[in-house]
Amino acid sequence: MATPTPAIPTFTDGQIVHATDLNALASNLTNLYNYNQASFTSQRPCVIAKQTTAQGTTAGTFTTANFQAAVINTDNMWTASVPNQVTIQHAGIYYVFSQTRYPTTAYNTANAVDAYILANGTAFSNSITGQSMIPTGNSIGTTIVATTITNLAAGSTLYLGVQTNFNFNLDTGVGGSFLGAIFLTSST
């Protein structure tokens, strides 16, 4: 149910104000507050879906990451039944972020790793932000962080797409791989 657009009554000096008028004022002030907060009076929508199990991928194949747990999930945006997807429940402007943790690999200038945040589809063409890099050493894995601020409609879906040119398992160490979204404000 949508919150009605608030209307604040006006009063004239000398006018007798009745309880009904004061109650309407209180109700409309509450509506104004809720409208400004996009109807979130206690906690804004926020989700961080995280991998707890390493996921294998194939060289040259664009793959969406599956998540096994929600670290934060205030608006039921992630469910285990659709493990690779975050679904926006309330329209608004969101800060969207991801971390992708690739495993330790031998340095090779041909080894490139990619991570992209996708909106409303799992193809590379649905990317709204992302990063690519070449691992620089043999001793540690590569962590890629991607962020953006974007306007999302209710029902929009977000994914984390990964790709590299060698077979690998996403690493769950050092924070692992995750995808998150935080509601900032109502859409304009």
N, C-alpha and C. Protein backbone atom coordinates (compact mmCIF):
# COMPACT_ATOMS: atom_id res chain seq x y z
N MET A 1 0.84 -1.17 0.00
CA MET A 1 0.00 0.00 0.00
C MET A 1 0.89 1.23 0.00
N ALA A 2 0.66 2.13 -0.91
CA ALA A 2 1.48 3.35 -1.03
C ALA A 2 1.08 4.35 0.04
N THR A 3 2.08 5.05 0.55
CA THR A 3 1.83 6.12 1.51
C THR A 3 1.25 7.30 0.75
N PRO A 4 0.12 7.87 1.21
CA PRO A 4 -0.46 9.01 0.48
C PRO A 4 0.45 10.22 0.59
N THR A 5 0.38 11.07 -0.43
CA THR A 5 1.15 12.30 -0.39
C THR A 5 0.64 13.14 0.77
N PRO A 6 1.53 13.56 1.68
CA PRO A 6 1.10 14.29 2.87
C PRO A 6 0.50 15.65 2.53
N ALA A 7 -0.51 16.04 3.30
CA ALA A 7 -1.12 17.37 3.19
C ALA A 7 -1.17 17.94 4.61
N ILE A 8 -0.63 19.12 4.77
CA ILE A 8 -0.60 19.77 6.09
C ILE A 8 -1.69 20.85 6.10
N PRO A 9 -2.66 20.76 7.03
CA PRO A 9 -3.73 21.77 7.07
C PRO A 9 -3.19 23.11 7.57
N THR A 10 -3.89 24.17 7.21
CA THR A 10 -3.53 25.50 7.70
C THR A 10 -4.65 25.98 8.62
N PHE A 11 -4.28 26.83 9.56
CA PHE A 11 -5.25 27.38 10.52
C PHE A 11 -5.17 28.90 10.47
N THR A 12 -6.28 29.56 10.78
CA THR A 12 -6.35 31.01 10.79
C THR A 12 -6.46 31.48 12.23
N ASP A 13 -5.79 32.62 12.53
CA ASP A 13 -5.88 33.19 13.88
C ASP A 13 -7.35 33.38 14.26
N GLY A 14 -7.68 33.01 15.47
CA GLY A 14 -9.03 33.17 15.97
C GLY A 14 -9.93 31.99 15.67
N GLN A 15 -9.48 31.09 14.80
CA GLN A 15 -10.27 29.91 14.45
C GLN A 15 -10.18 28.91 15.60
N ILE A 16 -11.30 28.31 15.93
CA ILE A 16 -11.31 27.27 16.96
C ILE A 16 -10.85 25.97 16.29
N VAL A 17 -9.81 25.40 16.85
CA VAL A 17 -9.26 24.16 16.31
C VAL A 17 -9.87 23.00 17.06
N HIS A 18 -10.43 22.06 16.33
CA HIS A 18 -11.09 20.90 16.92
C HIS A 18 -10.13 19.72 16.97
N ALA A 19 -10.45 18.78 17.81
CA ALA A 19 -9.61 17.59 17.97
C ALA A 19 -9.42 16.88 16.62
N THR A 20 -10.45 16.86 15.79
CA THR A 20 -10.35 16.21 14.49
C THR A 20 -9.25 16.86 13.64
N ASP A 21 -9.19 18.21 13.68
CA ASP A 21 -8.16 18.93 12.91
C ASP A 21 -6.77 18.60 13.44
N LEU A 22 -6.61 18.55 14.75
CA LEU A 22 -5.31 18.26 15.35
C LEU A 22 -4.89 16.82 15.08
N ASN A 23 -5.85 15.89 15.13
CA ASN A 23 -5.55 14.50 14.81
C ASN A 23 -5.15 14.35 13.35
N ALA A 24 -5.82 15.09 12.46
CA ALA A 24 -5.46 15.05 11.03
C ALA A 24 -4.05 15.60 10.84
N LEU A 25 -3.71 16.67 11.57
CA LEU A 25 -2.37 17.23 11.48
C LEU A 25 -1.33 16.20 11.93
N ALA A 26 -1.58 15.54 13.05
CA ALA A 26 -0.65 14.54 13.55
C ALA A 26 -0.51 13.39 12.55
N SER A 27 -1.62 12.94 11.99
CA SER A 27 -1.59 11.85 11.02
C SER A 27 -0.80 12.25 9.78
N ASN A 28 -1.02 13.47 9.30
CA ASN A 28 -0.32 13.91 8.10
C ASN A 28 1.17 14.15 8.35
N LEU A 29 1.53 14.56 9.55
CA LEU A 29 2.95 14.68 9.88
C LEU A 29 3.62 13.31 9.89
N THR A 30 2.91 12.30 10.40
CA THR A 30 3.42 10.94 10.37
C THR A 30 3.58 10.48 8.92
N ASN A 31 2.57 10.75 8.09
CA ASN A 31 2.66 10.38 6.67
C ASN A 31 3.83 11.09 5.99
N LEU A 32 4.04 12.36 6.32
CA LEU A 32 5.15 13.11 5.74
C LEU A 32 6.48 12.47 6.13
N TYR A 33 6.62 12.11 7.39
CA TYR A 33 7.84 11.45 7.85
C TYR A 33 8.05 10.14 7.10
N ASN A 34 7.00 9.32 7.02
CA ASN A 34 7.11 8.03 6.34
C ASN A 34 7.40 8.20 4.85
N TYR A 35 6.78 9.17 4.23
CA TYR A 35 6.98 9.45 2.81
C TYR A 35 8.43 9.84 2.57
N ASN A 36 8.98 10.69 3.42
CA ASN A 36 10.36 11.12 3.29
C ASN A 36 11.33 9.97 3.51
N GLN A 37 10.98 9.04 4.35
CA GLN A 37 11.84 7.89 4.63
C GLN A 37 11.51 6.70 3.73
N ALA A 38 10.71 6.94 2.70
CA ALA A 38 10.27 5.87 1.78
C ALA A 38 9.60 4.75 2.56
N SER A 39 8.87 5.12 3.58
CA SER A 39 8.10 4.20 4.43
C SER A 39 8.96 3.32 5.32
N PHE A 40 10.22 3.65 5.49
CA PHE A 40 11.08 2.86 6.36
C PHE A 40 11.30 3.65 7.64
N THR A 41 10.55 3.31 8.67
CA THR A 41 10.64 4.08 9.90
C THR A 41 11.64 3.50 10.88
N SER A 42 12.04 2.26 10.71
CA SER A 42 12.97 1.67 11.65
C SER A 42 14.32 1.35 11.02
N GLN A 43 14.32 0.79 9.82
CA GLN A 43 15.57 0.39 9.20
C GLN A 43 15.43 0.41 7.68
N ARG A 44 16.36 1.07 7.01
CA ARG A 44 16.33 1.13 5.55
C ARG A 44 16.77 -0.21 4.96
N PRO A 45 16.30 -0.52 3.74
CA PRO A 45 16.70 -1.77 3.10
C PRO A 45 18.21 -1.86 2.91
N CYS A 46 18.74 -3.00 3.26
CA CYS A 46 20.18 -3.26 3.13
C CYS A 46 20.38 -4.77 3.01
N VAL A 47 21.29 -5.16 2.11
CA VAL A 47 21.59 -6.58 1.97
C VAL A 47 23.08 -6.75 1.68
N ILE A 48 23.66 -7.79 2.24
CA ILE A 48 24.98 -8.27 1.85
C ILE A 48 24.86 -9.78 1.76
N ALA A 49 24.90 -10.30 0.53
CA ALA A 49 24.85 -11.74 0.28
C ALA A 49 26.28 -12.21 0.05
N LYS A 50 26.68 -13.28 0.73
CA LYS A 50 28.08 -13.69 0.76
C LYS A 50 28.25 -15.16 0.40
N GLN A 51 29.38 -15.45 -0.23
CA GLN A 51 29.76 -16.84 -0.48
C GLN A 51 30.43 -17.40 0.77
N THR A 52 30.03 -18.60 1.15
CA THR A 52 30.69 -19.30 2.25
C THR A 52 31.35 -20.58 1.74
N THR A 53 31.05 -20.93 0.49
CA THR A 53 31.61 -22.11 -0.16
C THR A 53 32.26 -21.68 -1.46
N ALA A 54 33.47 -22.16 -1.71
CA ALA A 54 34.16 -21.81 -2.96
C ALA A 54 33.34 -22.27 -4.15
N GLN A 55 33.25 -21.41 -5.16
CA GLN A 55 32.51 -21.74 -6.37
C GLN A 55 33.47 -21.89 -7.53
N GLY A 56 33.40 -23.02 -8.22
CA GLY A 56 34.25 -23.25 -9.37
C GLY A 56 33.74 -22.52 -10.61
N THR A 57 34.66 -22.06 -11.43
CA THR A 57 34.30 -21.43 -12.69
C THR A 57 35.21 -21.97 -13.78
N THR A 58 34.80 -21.78 -15.02
CA THR A 58 35.53 -22.29 -16.17
C THR A 58 36.14 -21.13 -16.95
N ALA A 59 37.36 -21.32 -17.41
CA ALA A 59 38.07 -20.29 -18.18
C ALA A 59 37.22 -19.79 -19.33
N GLY A 60 37.16 -18.45 -19.47
CA GLY A 60 36.46 -17.84 -20.58
C GLY A 60 34.96 -17.86 -20.50
N THR A 61 34.41 -18.34 -19.39
CA THR A 61 32.95 -18.42 -19.23
C THR A 61 32.49 -17.36 -18.25
N PHE A 62 31.58 -16.49 -18.69
CA PHE A 62 31.02 -15.46 -17.81
C PHE A 62 30.02 -16.15 -16.88
N THR A 63 30.26 -16.06 -15.58
CA THR A 63 29.51 -16.83 -14.59
C THR A 63 28.95 -15.91 -13.51
N THR A 64 27.72 -16.15 -13.06
CA THR A 64 27.20 -15.40 -11.93
C THR A 64 27.55 -16.14 -10.64
N ALA A 65 27.98 -15.38 -9.66
CA ALA A 65 28.36 -15.96 -8.37
C ALA A 65 27.11 -16.36 -7.59
N ASN A 66 27.18 -17.51 -6.94
CA ASN A 66 26.13 -17.96 -6.04
C ASN A 66 26.53 -17.62 -4.62
N PHE A 67 25.55 -17.25 -3.81
CA PHE A 67 25.80 -16.91 -2.41
C PHE A 67 25.09 -17.91 -1.52
N GLN A 68 25.69 -18.17 -0.37
CA GLN A 68 25.13 -19.15 0.55
C GLN A 68 24.56 -18.54 1.82
N ALA A 69 24.83 -17.26 2.06
CA ALA A 69 24.36 -16.65 3.31
C ALA A 69 24.15 -15.16 3.12
N ALA A 70 23.24 -14.61 3.90
CA ALA A 70 23.04 -13.16 3.95
C ALA A 70 23.62 -12.67 5.27
N VAL A 71 24.63 -11.84 5.19
CA VAL A 71 25.23 -11.25 6.39
C VAL A 71 24.26 -10.22 6.96
N ILE A 72 23.65 -9.43 6.07
CA ILE A 72 22.60 -8.45 6.40
C ILE A 72 21.51 -8.64 5.36
N ASN A 73 20.25 -8.57 5.79
CA ASN A 73 19.14 -8.75 4.85
C ASN A 73 17.88 -8.15 5.44
N THR A 74 17.84 -6.82 5.56
CA THR A 74 16.74 -6.17 6.26
C THR A 74 15.44 -6.13 5.47
N ASP A 75 15.49 -6.37 4.16
CA ASP A 75 14.29 -6.23 3.33
C ASP A 75 14.04 -7.49 2.49
N ASN A 76 14.56 -8.62 2.94
CA ASN A 76 14.38 -9.90 2.22
C ASN A 76 14.76 -9.80 0.75
N MET A 77 15.89 -9.15 0.48
CA MET A 77 16.33 -8.99 -0.91
C MET A 77 17.08 -10.21 -1.42
N TRP A 78 17.61 -11.05 -0.53
CA TRP A 78 18.29 -12.27 -0.95
C TRP A 78 17.59 -13.46 -0.32
N THR A 79 17.39 -14.51 -1.13
CA THR A 79 16.83 -15.76 -0.61
C THR A 79 17.68 -16.92 -1.11
N ALA A 80 17.80 -17.94 -0.30
CA ALA A 80 18.61 -19.11 -0.65
C ALA A 80 18.05 -19.84 -1.87
N SER A 81 16.76 -19.67 -2.15
CA SER A 81 16.16 -20.37 -3.29
C SER A 81 16.63 -19.80 -4.64
N VAL A 82 17.12 -18.56 -4.64
CA VAL A 82 17.70 -17.94 -5.85
C VAL A 82 19.07 -17.40 -5.42
N PRO A 83 20.07 -18.30 -5.29
CA PRO A 83 21.31 -17.94 -4.62
C PRO A 83 22.20 -16.93 -5.34
N ASN A 84 21.97 -16.68 -6.63
CA ASN A 84 22.84 -15.76 -7.35
C ASN A 84 22.24 -14.37 -7.52
N GLN A 85 21.11 -14.11 -6.90
CA GLN A 85 20.34 -12.90 -7.20
C GLN A 85 19.96 -12.12 -5.93
N VAL A 86 20.03 -10.80 -6.04
CA VAL A 86 19.48 -9.89 -5.05
C VAL A 86 18.33 -9.16 -5.73
N THR A 87 17.14 -9.14 -5.11
CA THR A 87 15.97 -8.51 -5.70
C THR A 87 15.57 -7.29 -4.89
N ILE A 88 15.50 -6.15 -5.53
CA ILE A 88 15.12 -4.90 -4.87
C ILE A 88 13.63 -4.94 -4.57
N GLN A 89 13.27 -4.72 -3.31
CA GLN A 89 11.87 -4.77 -2.89
C GLN A 89 11.20 -3.39 -2.94
N HIS A 90 11.98 -2.33 -2.76
CA HIS A 90 11.45 -0.96 -2.74
C HIS A 90 12.27 -0.09 -3.67
N ALA A 91 11.60 0.60 -4.58
CA ALA A 91 12.29 1.48 -5.53
C ALA A 91 13.07 2.55 -4.78
N GLY A 92 14.19 2.95 -5.35
CA GLY A 92 14.97 4.02 -4.75
C GLY A 92 16.36 4.10 -5.36
N ILE A 93 17.12 5.01 -4.81
CA ILE A 93 18.51 5.15 -5.22
C ILE A 93 19.34 4.34 -4.23
N TYR A 94 20.16 3.44 -4.76
CA TYR A 94 20.92 2.49 -3.95
C TYR A 94 22.42 2.63 -4.18
N TYR A 95 23.17 2.44 -3.11
CA TYR A 95 24.62 2.24 -3.21
C TYR A 95 24.79 0.73 -3.37
N VAL A 96 25.36 0.30 -4.49
CA VAL A 96 25.53 -1.12 -4.79
C VAL A 96 27.03 -1.41 -4.80
N PHE A 97 27.44 -2.52 -4.19
CA PHE A 97 28.87 -2.81 -4.04
C PHE A 97 29.11 -4.31 -4.09
N SER A 98 30.33 -4.66 -4.46
CA SER A 98 30.69 -6.07 -4.48
C SER A 98 32.17 -6.22 -4.18
N GLN A 99 32.51 -7.41 -3.73
CA GLN A 99 33.91 -7.82 -3.62
C GLN A 99 34.00 -9.21 -4.23
N THR A 100 35.02 -9.42 -5.04
CA THR A 100 35.26 -10.73 -5.63
C THR A 100 36.67 -11.15 -5.26
N ARG A 101 36.78 -12.31 -4.67
CA ARG A 101 38.07 -12.81 -4.20
C ARG A 101 38.49 -13.98 -5.08
N TYR A 102 39.53 -13.75 -5.86
CA TYR A 102 40.10 -14.79 -6.71
C TYR A 102 41.20 -15.52 -5.93
N PRO A 103 41.48 -16.76 -6.29
CA PRO A 103 42.48 -17.54 -5.55
C PRO A 103 43.90 -17.11 -5.89
N THR A 104 44.83 -17.59 -5.08
CA THR A 104 46.24 -17.41 -5.39
C THR A 104 46.53 -18.11 -6.71
N THR A 105 47.26 -17.43 -7.58
CA THR A 105 47.60 -18.01 -8.88
C THR A 105 49.00 -17.55 -9.27
N ALA A 106 49.65 -18.34 -10.06
CA ALA A 106 50.99 -17.96 -10.54
C ALA A 106 50.86 -16.72 -11.42
N TYR A 107 51.76 -15.78 -11.24
CA TYR A 107 51.76 -14.56 -12.03
C TYR A 107 51.95 -14.90 -13.50
N ASN A 108 51.10 -14.31 -14.32
CA ASN A 108 51.18 -14.53 -15.75
C ASN A 108 50.43 -13.36 -16.39
N THR A 109 51.09 -12.60 -17.24
CA THR A 109 50.44 -11.42 -17.81
C THR A 109 49.23 -11.78 -18.65
N ALA A 110 49.06 -13.03 -19.00
CA ALA A 110 47.87 -13.46 -19.75
C ALA A 110 46.69 -13.73 -18.84
N ASN A 111 46.94 -13.82 -17.53
CA ASN A 111 45.87 -14.11 -16.58
C ASN A 111 45.16 -12.82 -16.19
N ALA A 112 43.97 -12.63 -16.70
CA ALA A 112 43.16 -11.47 -16.34
C ALA A 112 41.96 -11.96 -15.54
N VAL A 113 41.56 -11.17 -14.52
CA VAL A 113 40.38 -11.50 -13.73
C VAL A 113 39.41 -10.33 -13.82
N ASP A 114 38.11 -10.64 -13.92
CA ASP A 114 37.07 -9.65 -14.10
C ASP A 114 35.96 -9.87 -13.08
N ALA A 115 35.33 -8.78 -12.66
CA ALA A 115 34.15 -8.85 -11.80
C ALA A 115 33.25 -7.68 -12.14
N TYR A 116 31.95 -7.97 -12.33
CA TYR A 116 30.99 -6.94 -12.74
C TYR A 116 29.71 -7.07 -11.93
N ILE A 117 29.13 -5.93 -11.57
CA ILE A 117 27.79 -5.92 -10.99
C ILE A 117 26.82 -5.79 -12.17
N LEU A 118 25.85 -6.67 -12.21
CA LEU A 118 24.87 -6.72 -13.30
C LEU A 118 23.49 -6.34 -12.76
N ALA A 119 22.70 -5.66 -13.57
CA ALA A 119 21.33 -5.31 -13.18
C ALA A 119 20.35 -5.85 -14.22
N ASN A 120 19.33 -6.56 -13.75
CA ASN A 120 18.21 -7.03 -14.57
C ASN A 120 18.63 -7.97 -15.69
N GLY A 121 19.59 -8.82 -15.41
CA GLY A 121 20.01 -9.83 -16.38
C GLY A 121 21.40 -10.32 -16.06
N THR A 122 21.73 -11.51 -16.54
CA THR A 122 23.00 -12.14 -16.18
C THR A 122 24.04 -12.08 -17.29
N ALA A 123 23.76 -11.37 -18.37
CA ALA A 123 24.73 -11.23 -19.46
C ALA A 123 25.68 -10.07 -19.19
N PHE A 124 26.86 -10.12 -19.77
CA PHE A 124 27.83 -9.05 -19.61
C PHE A 124 27.23 -7.69 -20.00
N SER A 125 26.33 -7.68 -20.97
CA SER A 125 25.70 -6.43 -21.42
C SER A 125 24.84 -5.78 -20.34
N ASN A 126 24.54 -6.50 -19.26
CA ASN A 126 23.77 -5.95 -18.14
C ASN A 126 24.66 -5.32 -17.07
N SER A 127 25.95 -5.18 -17.35
CA SER A 127 26.88 -4.61 -16.37
C SER A 127 26.54 -3.15 -16.08
N ILE A 128 26.56 -2.79 -14.80
CA ILE A 128 26.39 -1.38 -14.43
C ILE A 128 27.69 -0.82 -13.85
N THR A 129 28.61 -1.68 -13.48
CA THR A 129 29.96 -1.29 -13.07
C THR A 129 30.80 -2.54 -12.98
N GLY A 130 32.09 -2.38 -12.94
CA GLY A 130 32.96 -3.54 -12.84
C GLY A 130 34.42 -3.17 -12.86
N GLN A 131 35.26 -4.17 -12.72
CA GLN A 131 36.71 -4.01 -12.71
C GLN A 131 37.35 -5.20 -13.39
N SER A 132 38.48 -4.95 -14.01
CA SER A 132 39.33 -6.01 -14.57
C SER A 132 40.75 -5.75 -14.12
N MET A 133 41.49 -6.81 -13.86
CA MET A 133 42.90 -6.63 -13.50
C MET A 133 43.69 -7.87 -13.80
N ILE A 134 45.01 -7.71 -13.80
CA ILE A 134 45.93 -8.81 -13.99
C ILE A 134 46.59 -9.08 -12.65
N PRO A 135 46.53 -10.31 -12.13
CA PRO A 135 47.19 -10.62 -10.86
C PRO A 135 48.67 -10.26 -10.92
N THR A 136 49.20 -9.77 -9.80
CA THR A 136 50.57 -9.26 -9.81
C THR A 136 51.57 -10.10 -9.04
N GLY A 137 51.17 -11.22 -8.50
CA GLY A 137 52.14 -12.01 -7.74
C GLY A 137 51.70 -13.43 -7.54
N ASN A 138 52.61 -14.24 -6.99
CA ASN A 138 52.33 -15.66 -6.78
C ASN A 138 51.81 -15.97 -5.38
N SER A 139 51.97 -15.04 -4.43
CA SER A 139 51.74 -15.40 -3.04
C SER A 139 50.33 -15.15 -2.55
N ILE A 140 49.60 -14.23 -3.16
CA ILE A 140 48.25 -13.93 -2.66
C ILE A 140 47.27 -13.89 -3.81
N GLY A 141 46.01 -14.04 -3.48
CA GLY A 141 44.96 -13.92 -4.47
C GLY A 141 44.65 -12.46 -4.75
N THR A 142 43.80 -12.23 -5.70
CA THR A 142 43.41 -10.89 -6.11
C THR A 142 42.01 -10.61 -5.61
N THR A 143 41.81 -9.43 -5.05
CA THR A 143 40.49 -9.00 -4.61
C THR A 143 40.06 -7.81 -5.47
N ILE A 144 38.88 -7.90 -6.05
CA ILE A 144 38.34 -6.83 -6.88
C ILE A 144 37.11 -6.27 -6.18
N VAL A 145 37.08 -4.94 -6.03
CA VAL A 145 35.94 -4.25 -5.43
C VAL A 145 35.31 -3.38 -6.50
N ALA A 146 33.99 -3.43 -6.63
CA ALA A 146 33.26 -2.59 -7.58
C ALA A 146 32.11 -1.92 -6.83
N THR A 147 31.86 -0.64 -7.13
CA THR A 147 30.77 0.09 -6.48
C THR A 147 30.10 1.03 -7.48
N THR A 148 28.85 1.35 -7.21
CA THR A 148 28.14 2.36 -7.98
C THR A 148 26.94 2.84 -7.18
N ILE A 149 26.41 3.97 -7.56
CA ILE A 149 25.13 4.47 -7.04
C ILE A 149 24.18 4.47 -8.23
N THR A 150 23.02 3.84 -8.06
CA THR A 150 22.10 3.71 -9.19
C THR A 150 20.65 3.74 -8.73
N ASN A 151 19.79 4.16 -9.62
CA ASN A 151 18.35 4.22 -9.37
C ASN A 151 17.75 2.87 -9.76
N LEU A 152 17.08 2.19 -8.84
CA LEU A 152 16.54 0.85 -9.10
C LEU A 152 15.05 0.81 -8.81
N ALA A 153 14.30 0.20 -9.70
CA ALA A 153 12.86 0.01 -9.51
C ALA A 153 12.62 -1.20 -8.62
N ALA A 154 11.46 -1.24 -7.99
CA ALA A 154 11.07 -2.43 -7.24
C ALA A 154 11.03 -3.60 -8.22
N GLY A 155 11.59 -4.73 -7.83
CA GLY A 155 11.65 -5.90 -8.69
C GLY A 155 12.94 -6.00 -9.50
N SER A 156 13.77 -4.95 -9.48
CA SER A 156 15.07 -5.02 -10.16
C SER A 156 15.91 -6.12 -9.53
N THR A 157 16.74 -6.75 -10.34
CA THR A 157 17.59 -7.82 -9.85
C THR A 157 19.06 -7.45 -10.05
N LEU A 158 19.88 -7.84 -9.10
CA LEU A 158 21.32 -7.59 -9.15
C LEU A 158 22.06 -8.92 -9.08
N TYR A 159 23.19 -8.98 -9.79
CA TYR A 159 24.02 -10.19 -9.83
C TYR A 159 25.48 -9.77 -9.79
N LEU A 160 26.34 -10.70 -9.40
CA LEU A 160 27.78 -10.51 -9.49
C LEU A 160 28.30 -11.45 -10.57
N GLY A 161 28.80 -10.88 -11.65
CA GLY A 161 29.33 -11.68 -12.76
C GLY A 161 30.84 -11.73 -12.70
N VAL A 162 31.42 -12.90 -12.89
CA VAL A 162 32.87 -13.08 -12.82
C VAL A 162 33.36 -13.81 -14.06
N GLN A 163 34.63 -13.53 -14.42
CA GLN A 163 35.23 -14.21 -15.56
C GLN A 163 36.74 -14.09 -15.48
N THR A 164 37.42 -15.10 -15.95
CA THR A 164 38.86 -15.08 -16.09
C THR A 164 39.25 -16.01 -17.22
N ASN A 165 40.51 -16.02 -17.57
CA ASN A 165 40.92 -16.90 -18.66
C ASN A 165 41.67 -18.13 -18.16
N PHE A 166 41.43 -18.50 -16.90
CA PHE A 166 41.96 -19.76 -16.37
C PHE A 166 40.91 -20.35 -15.44
N ASN A 167 40.89 -21.67 -15.27
CA ASN A 167 39.94 -22.31 -14.37
C ASN A 167 40.30 -21.96 -12.93
N PHE A 168 39.30 -21.69 -12.11
CA PHE A 168 39.56 -21.31 -10.72
C PHE A 168 38.33 -21.55 -9.87
N ASN A 169 38.55 -21.53 -8.55
CA ASN A 169 37.48 -21.50 -7.56
C ASN A 169 37.55 -20.16 -6.87
N LEU A 170 36.41 -19.47 -6.75
CA LEU A 170 36.40 -18.23 -5.98
C LEU A 170 36.81 -18.55 -4.55
N ASP A 171 37.62 -17.71 -3.97
CA ASP A 171 38.19 -17.91 -2.64
C ASP A 171 37.25 -17.32 -1.59
N THR A 172 37.08 -18.01 -0.48
CA THR A 172 36.22 -17.50 0.60
C THR A 172 37.02 -16.80 1.69
N GLY A 173 38.34 -16.75 1.57
CA GLY A 173 39.18 -16.07 2.56
C GLY A 173 39.20 -14.56 2.35
N VAL A 174 39.75 -13.84 3.29
CA VAL A 174 39.93 -12.39 3.26
C VAL A 174 38.63 -11.69 2.86
N GLY A 175 37.55 -12.04 3.51
CA GLY A 175 36.25 -11.43 3.22
C GLY A 175 35.47 -12.13 2.14
N GLY A 176 36.14 -12.95 1.34
CA GLY A 176 35.46 -13.72 0.30
C GLY A 176 34.82 -12.85 -0.76
N SER A 177 33.81 -13.41 -1.41
CA SER A 177 33.08 -12.70 -2.46
C SER A 177 31.68 -12.39 -1.95
N PHE A 178 31.21 -11.17 -2.21
CA PHE A 178 29.88 -10.79 -1.76
C PHE A 178 29.30 -9.71 -2.66
N LEU A 179 27.98 -9.52 -2.55
CA LEU A 179 27.24 -8.50 -3.29
C LEU A 179 26.31 -7.82 -2.31
N GLY A 180 26.25 -6.50 -2.35
CA GLY A 180 25.40 -5.78 -1.43
C GLY A 180 24.71 -4.59 -2.06
N ALA A 181 23.64 -4.14 -1.40
CA ALA A 181 22.90 -2.96 -1.83
C ALA A 181 22.34 -2.27 -0.59
N ILE A 182 22.48 -0.94 -0.53
CA ILE A 182 21.97 -0.16 0.59
C ILE A 182 21.09 0.95 0.03
N PHE A 183 19.85 1.05 0.50
CA PHE A 183 18.92 2.09 0.10
C PHE A 183 19.45 3.43 0.62
N LEU A 184 19.56 4.42 -0.28
CA LEU A 184 20.01 5.75 0.13
C LEU A 184 18.85 6.72 0.27
N THR A 185 18.01 6.81 -0.75
CA THR A 185 16.90 7.77 -0.74
C THR A 185 15.86 7.36 -1.78
N SER A 186 14.72 8.01 -1.73
CA SER A 186 13.67 7.73 -2.72
C SER A 186 14.14 8.13 -4.10
N SER A 187 13.56 7.51 -5.12
CA SER A 187 13.86 7.89 -6.50
C SER A 187 13.33 9.28 -6.77
N THR A 188 14.02 9.99 -7.66
CA THR A 188 13.58 11.35 -7.99
C THR A 188 12.94 11.38 -9.35
